[in-house]
């Protein structure tokens, strides 16, 4: 596992977060369509499956993503990320110590959730994170009880930690530009992408603001791994 310099460029754009899907063939078809539409990263998120099924799906997604040079990040499960040799892991507040994750995954991509607390980006950067997540930016069907994070917190997190920021929570093609103009380097999307009638077209629509908008800030490159 290694984070090549050319992979640093992937920390901008559509960040596809997988839906709960027990059928691996169906999951692969959905993710393949998202990649065809322009997704730059994929996060494997599965809360209801058993460990064997999750490992099977993660390995299958790696086989799909690797030839396209798209990193696969495992959500909330460092042991799984290590077991399948994933490209990285994303940790929430209850998912372990980011510093310990960095030690165990020295050349992977490490993301850390900051929720509505941009100051958490300081500790994330000190632990060796490559990016942080801020959200829920908008009402989210995936996490309906999530605390809302005003758009201004995106810039505050970036300024605090000096890292790329992924905006998450209720992002759609209609409001993605708001998050990007607020400073989001990435938009992490579940429902508006994978519940769309045409996933590839939804991915194109969600990616479009990144091709038509120029960042208004200078992004710090991910930490040297």
Protein backbone atom coordinates (compact mmCIF):
# COMPACT_ATOMS: atom_id res chain seq x y z
CA UNK A 1 0.00 0.00 0.00
CA UNK A 2 1.37 3.44 -0.90
CA UNK A 3 0.04 6.90 -1.58
CA UNK A 4 1.79 7.94 -4.77
CA UNK A 5 2.22 11.65 -5.44
CA UNK A 6 -0.27 11.47 -8.30
CA UNK A 7 -2.92 10.23 -5.89
CA UNK A 8 -2.79 13.50 -4.00
CA UNK A 9 -4.77 15.03 -6.85
CA UNK A 10 -7.67 12.70 -6.05
CA UNK A 11 -8.39 14.67 -2.88
CA UNK A 12 -10.63 16.95 -4.89
CA UNK A 13 -13.93 16.08 -6.51
CA UNK A 14 -16.75 13.62 -5.98
CA UNK A 15 -16.20 11.24 -3.07
CA UNK A 16 -18.61 8.32 -3.57
CA UNK A 17 -19.72 6.70 -0.30
CA UNK A 18 -21.29 3.30 -0.85
CA UNK A 19 -24.84 2.49 0.21
CA UNK A 20 -25.85 -0.54 2.26
CA UNK A 21 -26.08 -3.33 -0.31
CA UNK A 22 -25.90 -7.02 0.54
CA UNK A 23 -25.51 -8.12 -3.09
CA UNK A 24 -21.89 -7.69 -4.08
CA UNK A 25 -22.67 -7.77 -7.81
CA UNK A 26 -25.21 -4.99 -7.38
CA UNK A 27 -22.77 -2.94 -5.30
CA UNK A 28 -20.05 -3.32 -7.91
CA UNK A 29 -22.42 -2.23 -10.69
CA UNK A 30 -23.39 0.89 -8.74
CA UNK A 31 -19.81 1.85 -7.97
CA UNK A 32 -18.69 1.17 -11.54
CA UNK A 33 -21.35 3.58 -12.76
CA UNK A 34 -20.20 6.21 -10.27
CA UNK A 35 -16.63 5.82 -11.48
CA UNK A 36 -17.78 6.10 -15.09
CA UNK A 37 -19.44 9.39 -14.12
CA UNK A 38 -16.29 10.84 -12.57
CA UNK A 39 -16.03 9.82 -8.91
CA UNK A 40 -12.48 10.48 -7.69
CA UNK A 41 -12.56 8.47 -4.45
CA UNK A 42 -14.72 5.62 -3.16
CA UNK A 43 -15.48 4.98 0.49
CA UNK A 44 -16.75 1.55 1.45
CA UNK A 45 -19.37 2.01 4.16
CA UNK A 46 -21.30 -1.03 5.41
CA UNK A 47 -22.88 -1.06 8.86
CA UNK A 48 -25.19 -4.06 8.70
CA UNK A 49 -23.19 -6.86 7.05
CA UNK A 50 -21.11 -9.45 8.85
CA UNK A 51 -17.31 -9.39 8.78
CA UNK A 52 -16.91 -12.03 6.06
CA UNK A 53 -19.34 -10.30 3.71
CA UNK A 54 -17.71 -6.94 4.34
CA UNK A 55 -14.26 -8.33 3.58
CA UNK A 56 -15.57 -9.92 0.38
CA UNK A 57 -17.13 -6.67 -0.76
CA UNK A 58 -14.10 -4.59 0.13
CA UNK A 59 -11.80 -6.87 -1.86
CA UNK A 60 -14.16 -6.81 -4.83
CA UNK A 61 -14.30 -3.02 -4.75
CA UNK A 62 -10.51 -2.85 -4.62
CA UNK A 63 -10.34 -5.00 -7.74
CA UNK A 64 -12.72 -2.56 -9.41
CA UNK A 65 -11.07 0.66 -8.28
CA UNK A 66 -7.36 -0.17 -8.54
CA UNK A 67 -7.18 -0.45 -12.34
CA UNK A 68 -8.80 2.99 -12.54
CA UNK A 69 -6.31 4.47 -10.04
CA UNK A 70 -9.21 5.45 -7.76
CA UNK A 71 -8.43 4.98 -4.05
CA UNK A 72 -10.75 2.83 -1.95
CA UNK A 73 -11.17 4.11 1.60
CA UNK A 74 -12.74 1.92 4.29
CA UNK A 75 -15.15 3.67 6.65
CA UNK A 76 -14.77 3.29 10.40
CA UNK A 77 -12.88 -0.03 10.36
CA UNK A 78 -9.09 0.06 10.48
CA UNK A 79 -8.70 -3.74 10.91
CA UNK A 80 -10.72 -4.31 7.73
CA UNK A 81 -8.73 -1.68 5.83
CA UNK A 82 -5.49 -3.39 6.85
CA UNK A 83 -6.78 -6.89 6.16
CA UNK A 84 -7.77 -6.14 2.56
CA UNK A 85 -4.87 -3.75 1.90
CA UNK A 86 -7.20 -0.84 1.21
CA UNK A 87 -5.87 2.53 0.11
CA UNK A 88 -6.96 4.23 3.30
CA UNK A 89 -9.38 4.52 6.19
CA UNK A 90 -11.81 7.15 7.42
CA UNK A 91 -12.36 7.41 11.16
CA UNK A 92 -15.13 8.96 13.22
CA UNK A 93 -14.87 10.03 16.83
CA UNK A 94 -15.52 6.50 18.13
CA UNK A 95 -13.45 4.56 15.60
CA UNK A 96 -10.02 4.63 17.16
CA UNK A 97 -7.04 6.94 17.45
CA UNK A 98 -6.02 8.56 14.14
CA UNK A 99 -2.40 8.69 15.30
CA UNK A 100 -2.39 4.92 15.87
CA UNK A 101 -4.05 4.43 12.48
CA UNK A 102 -1.33 6.47 10.83
CA UNK A 103 1.34 4.31 12.47
CA UNK A 104 -0.33 1.13 11.21
CA UNK A 105 -1.09 2.57 7.78
CA UNK A 106 1.88 4.85 7.16
CA UNK A 107 1.35 5.33 3.43
CA UNK A 108 -2.43 5.16 3.20
CA UNK A 109 -4.99 7.93 3.01
CA UNK A 110 -6.30 8.88 6.45
CA UNK A 111 -9.52 10.85 6.81
CA UNK A 112 -11.01 12.08 10.08
CA UNK A 113 -14.55 13.29 10.76
CA UNK A 114 -14.81 16.69 12.42
CA UNK A 115 -18.63 16.91 12.32
CA UNK A 116 -19.60 20.47 13.30
CA UNK A 117 -16.36 21.05 15.24
CA UNK A 118 -13.74 22.57 12.92
CA UNK A 119 -11.16 22.79 15.70
CA UNK A 120 -10.93 18.99 15.61
CA UNK A 121 -8.99 19.49 12.38
CA UNK A 122 -6.01 20.67 14.44
CA UNK A 123 -5.67 17.33 16.21
CA UNK A 124 -6.40 15.46 12.99
CA UNK A 125 -3.53 17.23 11.23
CA UNK A 126 -1.21 16.57 14.15
CA UNK A 127 -2.11 12.88 13.98
CA UNK A 128 -1.14 12.71 10.31
CA UNK A 129 -4.54 12.93 8.62
CA UNK A 130 -4.70 13.70 4.91
CA UNK A 131 -8.15 15.29 4.96
CA UNK A 132 -11.02 16.02 7.32
CA UNK A 133 -14.79 15.81 6.95
CA UNK A 134 -17.31 18.50 7.93
CA UNK A 135 -21.05 17.84 8.09
CA UNK A 136 -23.91 17.32 7.99
CA UNK A 137 -24.06 20.34 5.70
CA UNK A 138 -27.69 19.73 4.71
CA UNK A 139 -30.51 17.47 5.96
CA UNK A 140 -29.36 13.91 5.38
CA UNK A 141 -31.49 10.83 4.79
CA UNK A 142 -28.47 8.62 5.51
CA UNK A 143 -27.97 10.19 8.95
CA UNK A 144 -31.23 12.01 9.75
CA UNK A 145 -30.14 12.71 13.33
CA UNK A 146 -26.79 14.21 12.44
CA UNK A 147 -26.02 17.65 13.83
CA UNK A 148 -26.06 20.31 11.12
CA UNK A 149 -22.80 22.05 10.27
CA UNK A 150 -23.11 25.52 8.71
CA UNK A 151 -21.21 25.96 5.46
CA UNK A 152 -18.86 28.48 7.05
CA UNK A 153 -17.33 25.65 9.11
CA UNK A 154 -15.70 24.25 5.98
CA UNK A 155 -13.31 27.20 5.71
CA UNK A 156 -12.81 27.21 9.47
CA UNK A 157 -11.73 23.56 9.42
CA UNK A 158 -9.37 24.17 6.51
CA UNK A 159 -7.82 27.17 8.23
CA UNK A 160 -7.49 25.27 11.51
CA UNK A 161 -5.86 22.12 10.17
CA UNK A 162 -4.43 23.16 6.83
CA UNK A 163 -5.89 20.03 5.23
CA UNK A 164 -8.32 19.37 2.37
CA UNK A 165 -11.93 19.26 3.55
CA UNK A 166 -14.66 16.88 2.48
CA UNK A 167 -18.16 18.27 2.87
CA UNK A 168 -20.73 15.61 3.72
CA UNK A 169 -24.40 15.28 4.50
CA UNK A 170 -27.38 15.83 2.22
CA UNK A 171 -25.34 17.01 -0.74
CA UNK A 172 -27.13 16.96 -4.09
CA UNK A 173 -26.45 18.29 -7.56
CA UNK A 174 -28.56 21.32 -6.61
CA UNK A 175 -26.56 22.32 -3.53
CA UNK A 176 -23.09 20.93 -4.32
CA UNK A 177 -21.92 24.30 -5.63
CA UNK A 178 -22.71 25.89 -2.26
CA UNK A 179 -20.38 23.47 -0.50
CA UNK A 180 -17.63 23.91 -3.08
CA UNK A 181 -17.85 27.69 -3.02
CA UNK A 182 -17.63 27.47 0.77
CA UNK A 183 -14.25 25.77 0.37
CA UNK A 184 -14.97 22.03 0.13
CA UNK A 185 -12.26 20.16 -1.77
CA UNK A 186 -14.45 17.07 -1.94
CA UNK A 187 -18.15 16.33 -1.62
CA UNK A 188 -19.00 12.98 -0.02
CA UNK A 189 -22.31 11.69 -1.36
CA UNK A 190 -24.45 8.61 -0.76
CA UNK A 191 -28.14 9.06 -1.54
CA UNK A 192 -28.08 11.65 -4.33
CA UNK A 193 -25.60 9.44 -6.15
CA UNK A 194 -26.56 5.83 -5.57
CA UNK A 195 -30.32 6.30 -5.35
CA UNK A 196 -30.42 8.14 -8.65
CA UNK A 197 -32.10 6.41 -11.62
CA UNK A 198 -28.88 6.84 -13.60
CA UNK A 199 -25.86 6.69 -11.28
CA UNK A 200 -23.33 7.66 -13.95
CA UNK A 201 -25.31 10.75 -14.92
CA UNK A 202 -25.74 11.68 -11.25
CA UNK A 203 -21.97 11.39 -10.77
CA UNK A 204 -21.39 13.66 -13.76
CA UNK A 205 -23.81 16.25 -12.39
CA UNK A 206 -22.21 16.15 -8.94
CA UNK A 207 -18.72 16.42 -10.46
CA UNK A 208 -19.59 19.29 -12.78
CA UNK A 209 -19.05 22.12 -10.25
CA UNK A 210 -15.44 20.99 -9.84
CA UNK A 211 -14.80 21.47 -13.54
CA UNK A 212 -16.58 24.82 -13.79
CA UNK A 213 -15.50 26.35 -10.47
CA UNK A 214 -12.01 27.37 -9.49
CA UNK A 215 -11.01 26.96 -5.84
CA UNK A 216 -10.93 30.23 -3.95
CA UNK A 217 -8.31 29.01 -1.53
CA UNK A 218 -4.87 27.48 -1.70
CA UNK A 219 -5.11 23.87 -0.55
CA UNK A 220 -2.37 22.40 1.54
CA UNK A 221 -1.12 19.10 0.14
CA UNK A 222 -1.73 15.98 2.22
CA UNK A 223 0.77 15.23 4.92
CA UNK A 224 3.96 13.57 3.78
CA UNK A 225 3.55 9.85 4.38
